[in-house]
N, C-alpha and C. Protein backbone atom coordinates (compact mmCIF):
# COMPACT_ATOMS: atom_id res chain seq x y z
N MET A 1 -4.44 -16.15 -94.13
CA MET A 1 -3.72 -15.30 -93.54
C MET A 1 -4.36 -14.28 -93.05
N LEU A 2 -4.10 -13.58 -92.04
CA LEU A 2 -4.46 -12.39 -91.47
C LEU A 2 -3.92 -11.24 -92.28
N SER A 3 -4.57 -10.34 -92.34
CA SER A 3 -4.22 -9.20 -92.65
C SER A 3 -4.46 -7.91 -92.03
N LEU A 4 -3.29 -7.32 -91.77
CA LEU A 4 -3.49 -6.14 -90.92
C LEU A 4 -4.21 -4.95 -91.18
N ASP A 5 -4.99 -4.43 -90.64
CA ASP A 5 -5.46 -3.34 -91.06
C ASP A 5 -5.12 -2.08 -90.59
N TYR A 6 -5.02 -1.16 -91.26
CA TYR A 6 -4.25 0.34 -90.73
C TYR A 6 -5.32 0.68 -89.54
N SER A 7 -6.50 0.38 -89.56
CA SER A 7 -7.10 0.84 -88.33
C SER A 7 -6.65 -0.11 -87.06
N ALA A 8 -6.22 -1.26 -87.30
CA ALA A 8 -6.11 -2.04 -86.08
C ALA A 8 -4.66 -1.66 -85.25
N ILE A 9 -3.75 -1.10 -86.19
CA ILE A 9 -2.39 -0.26 -85.84
C ILE A 9 -2.89 1.08 -85.19
N VAL A 10 -3.89 1.38 -85.41
CA VAL A 10 -3.95 2.81 -85.09
C VAL A 10 -4.94 2.55 -83.66
N ILE A 11 -5.44 1.29 -83.57
CA ILE A 11 -6.09 1.13 -82.12
C ILE A 11 -5.10 0.69 -81.27
N PHE A 12 -3.99 -0.07 -81.66
CA PHE A 12 -3.03 -0.98 -80.89
C PHE A 12 -2.24 0.19 -80.51
N ILE A 13 -1.81 1.37 -80.94
CA ILE A 13 -1.16 2.66 -80.75
C ILE A 13 -1.86 3.17 -79.96
N SER A 14 -2.98 3.42 -80.04
CA SER A 14 -4.13 4.13 -79.45
C SER A 14 -4.11 3.98 -77.96
N VAL A 15 -4.19 2.08 -77.93
CA VAL A 15 -4.22 1.85 -76.44
C VAL A 15 -2.88 1.86 -75.68
N TRP A 16 -1.94 1.64 -76.26
CA TRP A 16 -0.55 1.95 -75.76
C TRP A 16 -0.38 2.83 -75.23
N VAL A 17 -0.89 3.97 -76.51
CA VAL A 17 -0.45 5.35 -75.67
C VAL A 17 -1.43 6.04 -74.49
N LEU A 18 -2.58 5.27 -74.43
CA LEU A 18 -3.58 5.60 -73.49
C LEU A 18 -2.94 4.69 -72.06
N VAL A 19 -2.65 3.45 -72.31
CA VAL A 19 -1.65 3.01 -71.12
C VAL A 19 -0.84 3.87 -70.38
N TYR A 20 0.33 4.17 -71.30
CA TYR A 20 1.06 5.24 -70.95
C TYR A 20 0.86 6.54 -70.55
N VAL A 21 -0.23 7.27 -70.94
CA VAL A 21 -0.88 8.28 -70.37
C VAL A 21 -1.65 7.90 -68.99
N LEU A 22 -2.22 6.98 -68.90
CA LEU A 22 -2.95 6.54 -67.77
C LEU A 22 -1.93 6.24 -66.78
N ASN A 23 -0.94 5.47 -66.96
CA ASN A 23 0.18 5.07 -66.16
C ASN A 23 1.16 6.57 -65.64
N ARG A 24 1.12 7.40 -66.59
CA ARG A 24 1.74 8.87 -66.24
C ARG A 24 1.04 9.41 -65.35
N VAL A 25 -0.09 9.67 -66.13
CA VAL A 25 -1.24 11.01 -65.22
C VAL A 25 -1.83 9.89 -64.04
N PHE A 26 -2.29 9.05 -64.29
CA PHE A 26 -3.35 8.55 -63.06
C PHE A 26 -2.87 7.57 -62.03
N PHE A 27 -2.32 6.42 -62.63
CA PHE A 27 -1.82 5.54 -61.98
C PHE A 27 -0.47 5.72 -60.95
N LYS A 28 0.42 6.69 -61.73
CA LYS A 28 1.57 6.76 -61.01
C LYS A 28 1.46 7.77 -59.59
N ARG A 29 0.44 8.90 -59.70
CA ARG A 29 -0.33 9.61 -58.39
C ARG A 29 -0.99 8.54 -57.67
N VAL A 30 -1.73 7.78 -58.19
CA VAL A 30 -2.38 6.87 -57.18
C VAL A 30 -1.50 5.74 -56.69
N ARG A 31 -0.50 5.44 -57.38
CA ARG A 31 0.69 4.59 -56.43
C ARG A 31 1.53 5.32 -55.37
N LYS A 32 1.58 6.79 -55.84
CA LYS A 32 2.03 7.70 -54.74
C LYS A 32 1.49 8.12 -53.59
N VAL A 33 0.22 8.21 -53.83
CA VAL A 33 -0.97 8.51 -52.86
C VAL A 33 -0.94 6.90 -51.67
N MET A 34 -0.71 5.86 -52.59
CA MET A 34 -0.96 4.77 -51.88
C MET A 34 0.07 4.46 -50.95
N THR A 35 1.48 4.73 -51.67
CA THR A 35 2.89 4.72 -50.93
C THR A 35 2.80 5.60 -49.72
N GLU A 36 2.58 6.81 -50.03
CA GLU A 36 2.10 7.63 -48.80
C GLU A 36 1.34 7.28 -47.75
N ARG A 37 0.28 6.86 -48.09
CA ARG A 37 -0.64 6.24 -47.08
C ARG A 37 -0.03 5.35 -46.07
N GLU A 38 0.56 4.28 -46.93
CA GLU A 38 1.20 3.22 -46.17
C GLU A 38 2.21 3.42 -45.49
N THR A 39 2.90 4.25 -45.76
CA THR A 39 4.29 4.72 -45.02
C THR A 39 3.37 5.46 -43.56
N LYS A 40 2.36 6.17 -43.87
CA LYS A 40 1.66 7.05 -42.71
C LYS A 40 1.27 6.00 -41.73
N ILE A 41 0.41 4.90 -42.40
CA ILE A 41 -0.03 3.93 -41.73
C ILE A 41 1.07 3.27 -40.78
N GLN A 42 2.04 2.89 -41.64
CA GLN A 42 3.25 2.18 -40.98
C GLN A 42 3.72 3.00 -39.82
N LYS A 43 3.96 4.20 -40.27
CA LYS A 43 4.27 4.82 -39.03
C LYS A 43 3.68 5.26 -37.84
N ASN A 44 2.27 5.28 -38.16
CA ASN A 44 1.15 5.35 -36.93
C ASN A 44 1.26 3.94 -36.08
N GLN A 45 1.36 2.93 -36.86
CA GLN A 45 1.53 1.28 -36.15
C GLN A 45 2.86 1.45 -35.51
N GLU A 46 4.07 2.24 -35.68
CA GLU A 46 5.04 2.07 -35.12
C GLU A 46 4.83 2.89 -33.84
N SER A 47 4.18 4.16 -34.12
CA SER A 47 4.08 5.57 -33.50
C SER A 47 3.08 4.56 -32.15
N GLN A 48 2.00 3.60 -32.52
CA GLN A 48 1.14 3.03 -31.58
C GLN A 48 1.93 1.65 -30.64
N GLN A 49 2.77 1.13 -31.53
CA GLN A 49 3.36 0.22 -30.53
C GLN A 49 4.39 0.75 -29.59
N LYS A 50 5.24 1.91 -29.92
CA LYS A 50 5.95 2.57 -29.17
C LYS A 50 4.97 3.09 -27.72
N ALA A 51 4.15 3.72 -28.25
CA ALA A 51 3.05 4.09 -27.18
C ALA A 51 2.64 2.99 -26.18
N ILE A 52 2.33 1.80 -26.73
CA ILE A 52 2.08 0.77 -25.94
C ILE A 52 2.91 0.08 -25.06
N GLU A 53 4.43 0.43 -25.51
CA GLU A 53 5.45 -0.14 -25.03
C GLU A 53 5.63 0.92 -23.94
N ALA A 54 5.58 2.06 -23.96
CA ALA A 54 5.62 3.00 -22.98
C ALA A 54 4.72 3.02 -21.90
N TYR A 55 3.33 2.72 -22.25
CA TYR A 55 2.45 2.57 -21.12
C TYR A 55 2.49 1.48 -20.51
N GLU A 56 3.50 -0.03 -21.12
CA GLU A 56 3.59 -0.98 -20.42
C GLU A 56 4.63 -1.10 -19.60
N GLN A 57 5.56 -0.01 -20.04
CA GLN A 57 6.62 0.29 -19.16
C GLN A 57 6.28 1.20 -17.73
N SER A 58 5.36 2.21 -18.06
CA SER A 58 4.64 3.01 -16.97
C SER A 58 3.96 1.91 -16.04
N ILE A 59 3.08 1.29 -16.34
CA ILE A 59 2.59 0.39 -15.60
C ILE A 59 3.42 -0.54 -14.77
N ASN A 60 4.19 -1.22 -15.34
CA ASN A 60 5.15 -1.92 -14.64
C ASN A 60 5.91 -1.11 -13.61
N GLN A 61 6.41 0.27 -13.86
CA GLN A 61 6.95 0.76 -13.03
C GLN A 61 6.03 1.10 -11.64
N ILE A 62 5.12 1.48 -12.28
CA ILE A 62 3.76 1.87 -11.15
C ILE A 62 3.46 0.86 -10.13
N GLU A 63 3.95 -0.36 -10.59
CA GLU A 63 3.49 -1.74 -9.86
C GLU A 63 4.84 -1.91 -9.18
N GLU A 64 5.85 -1.82 -9.33
CA GLU A 64 7.08 -1.84 -8.93
C GLU A 64 7.15 -1.14 -7.56
N ASN A 65 6.91 0.49 -7.94
CA ASN A 65 6.74 1.19 -6.92
C ASN A 65 5.90 0.92 -5.89
N LEU A 66 4.25 0.40 -6.24
CA LEU A 66 3.31 0.04 -5.39
C LEU A 66 3.82 -1.21 -4.24
N LYS A 67 4.77 -2.22 -4.89
CA LYS A 67 5.20 -3.03 -4.32
C LYS A 67 6.20 -2.87 -3.12
N ALA A 68 6.86 -1.68 -3.64
CA ALA A 68 7.96 -1.09 -2.86
C ALA A 68 7.14 -0.35 -1.41
N ALA A 69 6.08 0.32 -1.98
CA ALA A 69 5.54 1.19 -1.00
C ALA A 69 4.62 0.11 -0.02
N ARG A 70 4.50 -0.81 -0.47
CA ARG A 70 3.44 -1.85 0.47
C ARG A 70 4.86 -2.50 1.27
N ALA A 71 5.50 -2.95 0.73
CA ALA A 71 6.87 -3.15 1.54
C ALA A 71 7.08 -2.47 2.76
N ILE A 72 7.35 -1.34 2.29
CA ILE A 72 7.65 -0.16 3.45
C ILE A 72 6.80 0.05 4.56
N SER A 73 5.73 0.04 3.72
CA SER A 73 4.56 0.35 5.03
C SER A 73 4.36 -0.63 6.04
N ASP A 74 4.56 -2.10 5.49
CA ASP A 74 4.25 -3.30 6.25
C ASP A 74 5.51 -3.20 7.15
N ARG A 75 6.92 -3.07 6.61
CA ARG A 75 7.85 -3.27 7.77
C ARG A 75 7.71 -1.89 8.59
N THR A 76 7.39 -0.60 8.26
CA THR A 76 6.80 0.32 9.19
C THR A 76 5.76 -0.07 10.18
N ARG A 77 4.70 -0.44 9.90
CA ARG A 77 3.64 -1.33 10.73
C ARG A 77 4.28 -1.89 11.63
N GLU A 78 4.85 -2.92 11.25
CA GLU A 78 5.61 -4.00 12.21
C GLU A 78 6.77 -3.35 13.03
N GLU A 79 7.17 -2.14 12.57
CA GLU A 79 8.34 -1.53 13.77
C GLU A 79 7.30 -0.84 14.81
N LEU A 80 6.32 -0.43 14.38
CA LEU A 80 5.39 0.42 15.61
C LEU A 80 4.72 -0.75 16.25
N GLU A 81 4.46 -1.68 15.57
CA GLU A 81 3.49 -2.66 16.30
C GLU A 81 4.56 -3.02 17.71
N LYS A 82 5.73 -3.24 17.12
CA LYS A 82 6.61 -3.56 17.99
C LYS A 82 6.93 -2.61 19.16
N GLU A 83 7.28 -1.33 18.77
CA GLU A 83 7.35 -0.58 19.63
C GLU A 83 6.25 -0.32 20.58
N ALA A 84 4.85 -0.41 19.86
CA ALA A 84 4.03 -0.43 20.81
C ALA A 84 3.81 -1.35 21.89
N LEU A 85 3.89 -2.69 21.57
CA LEU A 85 4.02 -3.61 22.27
C LEU A 85 5.12 -3.51 23.52
N GLN A 86 6.16 -2.67 22.97
CA GLN A 86 7.30 -2.61 23.96
C GLN A 86 6.84 -1.66 25.06
N GLU A 87 6.09 -0.54 24.57
CA GLU A 87 5.62 0.13 25.46
C GLU A 87 4.79 0.03 26.18
N LYS A 88 3.54 -0.61 25.74
CA LYS A 88 2.56 -1.35 26.76
C LYS A 88 3.36 -2.43 27.98
N ASN A 89 4.32 -2.97 27.32
CA ASN A 89 5.00 -3.92 28.66
C ASN A 89 5.85 -3.03 29.66
N ARG A 90 5.98 -1.86 29.35
CA ARG A 90 6.71 -1.18 30.12
C ARG A 90 5.70 0.05 30.85
N LEU A 91 4.68 0.22 30.52
CA LEU A 91 3.36 0.86 31.54
C LEU A 91 2.95 -0.59 31.96
N LEU A 92 2.83 -1.43 31.82
CA LEU A 92 2.33 -2.65 32.75
C LEU A 92 3.26 -2.64 33.83
N GLU A 93 4.62 -2.42 33.37
CA GLU A 93 5.63 -3.02 34.53
C GLU A 93 5.56 -1.83 35.46
N GLU A 94 5.55 -0.52 34.97
CA GLU A 94 5.41 0.51 35.97
C GLU A 94 4.07 0.39 36.76
N ILE A 95 3.06 0.35 36.00
CA ILE A 95 1.66 0.16 36.88
C ILE A 95 1.95 -0.88 38.10
N SER A 96 2.36 -2.25 37.57
CA SER A 96 2.70 -3.38 38.41
C SER A 96 3.41 -2.66 39.81
N LEU A 97 4.81 -2.05 39.44
CA LEU A 97 5.65 -1.50 40.45
C LEU A 97 4.48 -0.86 41.66
N GLU A 98 4.10 0.18 40.83
CA GLU A 98 3.25 1.04 41.72
C GLU A 98 2.39 0.53 42.22
N CYS A 99 1.67 -0.37 42.13
CA CYS A 99 0.54 -1.33 42.74
C CYS A 99 1.15 -1.73 43.97
N ARG A 100 2.35 -2.52 43.32
CA ARG A 100 2.97 -3.20 44.51
C ARG A 100 3.32 -2.18 45.84
N SER A 101 3.82 -0.86 45.44
CA SER A 101 4.33 0.11 46.41
C SER A 101 3.36 0.39 47.21
N GLN A 102 1.86 0.41 46.31
CA GLN A 102 0.66 0.48 47.40
C GLN A 102 0.67 -0.12 48.00
N VAL A 103 0.21 -1.24 47.57
CA VAL A 103 0.20 -2.67 48.52
C VAL A 103 0.93 -2.67 49.97
N GLU A 104 2.03 -2.49 49.51
CA GLU A 104 3.19 -2.30 50.67
C GLU A 104 2.82 -1.44 51.72
N LYS A 105 2.70 -0.09 51.27
CA LYS A 105 2.32 0.94 52.12
C LYS A 105 1.34 0.67 52.92
N ALA A 106 0.13 0.55 52.32
CA ALA A 106 -1.24 -0.04 52.67
C ALA A 106 -1.05 -1.37 53.58
N SER A 107 -0.08 -2.26 53.50
CA SER A 107 0.08 -3.48 54.60
C SER A 107 0.82 -2.68 55.60
N GLN A 108 1.97 -1.68 55.60
CA GLN A 108 2.46 -1.28 56.50
C GLN A 108 1.48 -0.54 57.59
N ARG A 109 0.47 0.36 56.92
CA ARG A 109 -0.08 1.25 57.75
C ARG A 109 -1.21 0.36 58.39
N LEU A 110 -1.50 -0.69 58.10
CA LEU A 110 -2.67 -1.88 58.42
C LEU A 110 -1.39 -2.55 59.95
N GLU A 111 -0.55 -2.82 59.58
CA GLU A 111 0.44 -3.42 60.37
C GLU A 111 0.46 -2.42 62.19
N GLU A 112 0.87 -1.05 61.40
CA GLU A 112 1.10 0.05 62.61
C GLU A 112 -0.56 0.26 63.22
N GLN A 113 -1.57 0.22 62.10
CA GLN A 113 -3.00 0.15 63.08
C GLN A 113 -3.08 -0.63 63.89
N MET A 114 -2.76 -2.21 63.39
CA MET A 114 -2.80 -3.30 64.32
C MET A 114 -2.25 -3.07 65.57
N LYS A 115 -0.79 -2.91 65.25
CA LYS A 115 0.08 -2.67 67.06
C LYS A 115 -0.90 -1.76 67.53
N LYS A 116 -1.05 -0.46 67.12
CA LYS A 116 -1.80 0.44 67.99
C LYS A 116 -2.94 -0.08 68.49
N LEU A 117 -3.81 -0.79 67.68
CA LEU A 117 -4.98 -1.44 68.31
C LEU A 117 -4.61 -2.15 69.38
N LYS A 118 -3.68 -3.22 69.21
CA LYS A 118 -3.16 -4.29 70.12
C LYS A 118 -3.11 -3.74 71.47
N LYS A 119 -2.37 -2.43 70.93
CA LYS A 119 -1.99 -2.02 72.51
C LYS A 119 -3.06 -1.22 73.15
N ARG A 120 -3.89 -0.99 72.68
CA ARG A 120 -5.31 -0.05 72.97
C ARG A 120 -6.17 -0.98 73.72
N LEU A 121 -6.12 -2.39 72.63
CA LEU A 121 -7.04 -3.63 73.23
C LEU A 121 -6.54 -3.92 74.38
N GLY A 122 -5.23 -4.17 74.56
CA GLY A 122 -4.18 -4.36 75.76
C GLY A 122 -4.49 -3.93 77.21
N LYS A 123 -4.28 -2.41 76.59
CA LYS A 123 -4.85 -1.16 77.67
C LYS A 123 -6.04 -1.38 78.25
N GLU A 124 -7.13 -1.45 77.36
CA GLU A 124 -8.56 -1.53 77.69
C GLU A 124 -8.98 -2.98 78.42
N SER A 125 -8.26 -4.09 78.10
CA SER A 125 -8.62 -5.14 78.56
C SER A 125 -7.99 -5.12 80.15
N GLU A 126 -6.96 -4.59 80.13
CA GLU A 126 -6.41 -4.41 81.67
C GLU A 126 -7.29 -3.56 82.25
N ASP A 127 -7.66 -2.58 81.74
CA ASP A 127 -8.77 -1.78 82.75
C ASP A 127 -9.70 -2.51 82.89
N LEU A 128 -10.39 -3.03 82.00
CA LEU A 128 -11.59 -3.81 81.95
C LEU A 128 -11.35 -5.00 83.38
N ALA A 129 -10.41 -5.86 83.05
CA ALA A 129 -9.90 -6.60 84.27
C ALA A 129 -9.84 -6.00 85.43
N GLU A 130 -9.19 -4.91 85.34
CA GLU A 130 -9.22 -4.17 86.67
C GLU A 130 -10.40 -4.12 87.41
N ARG A 131 -11.26 -3.33 86.57
CA ARG A 131 -12.88 -3.40 87.00
C ARG A 131 -13.45 -4.13 87.32
N ILE A 132 -13.70 -5.32 86.69
CA ILE A 132 -14.50 -6.68 87.22
C ILE A 132 -13.71 -7.36 88.24
N GLU A 133 -12.52 -6.76 88.46
CA GLU A 133 -11.39 -7.48 89.71
C GLU A 133 -11.92 -6.43 90.50
N GLU A 134 -12.35 -5.09 90.58
CA GLU A 134 -12.93 -4.37 91.86
C GLU A 134 -14.25 -4.57 92.24
N ARG A 135 -15.26 -4.81 91.32
CA ARG A 135 -16.72 -5.23 91.49
C ARG A 135 -16.59 -6.56 92.06
N LEU A 136 -15.82 -7.37 91.75
CA LEU A 136 -15.88 -8.52 92.44
C LEU A 136 -15.48 -8.68 93.71
N LEU A 137 -14.31 -8.08 93.99
CA LEU A 137 -13.90 -8.24 95.33
C LEU A 137 -14.79 -7.22 96.06
N HIS A 138 -15.00 -6.10 95.62
CA HIS A 138 -15.95 -5.20 96.46
C HIS A 138 -17.18 -5.35 96.55
């Protein structure tokens, strides 16, 4: 059988004392630092996730605002184009009416001039006919 020696018991006790002291002094502090580090890392990851979510929300809000602004600008542009077309048609009608009135005035003046010229031509032709008649007869 095995005989236990006094030195084996002392080594066994010293190993257990060493384990106890290392646990109390070294490993406990190392575990504490590692736990603190893990909690900090986890908090940082949570903060990062929250920041990413806030960023995505901001991006989504900006995109929605841009879509709304585009829709408003499209509607405004369409309304302005419609108004411009109406104004163009109104101006064309005014110009057309003005041209018609000027053509009517010009045709009235031409008719008056034609009447005057016809009268004058009639008078001159009568005078010419009288002169020809006088020359032929005399």
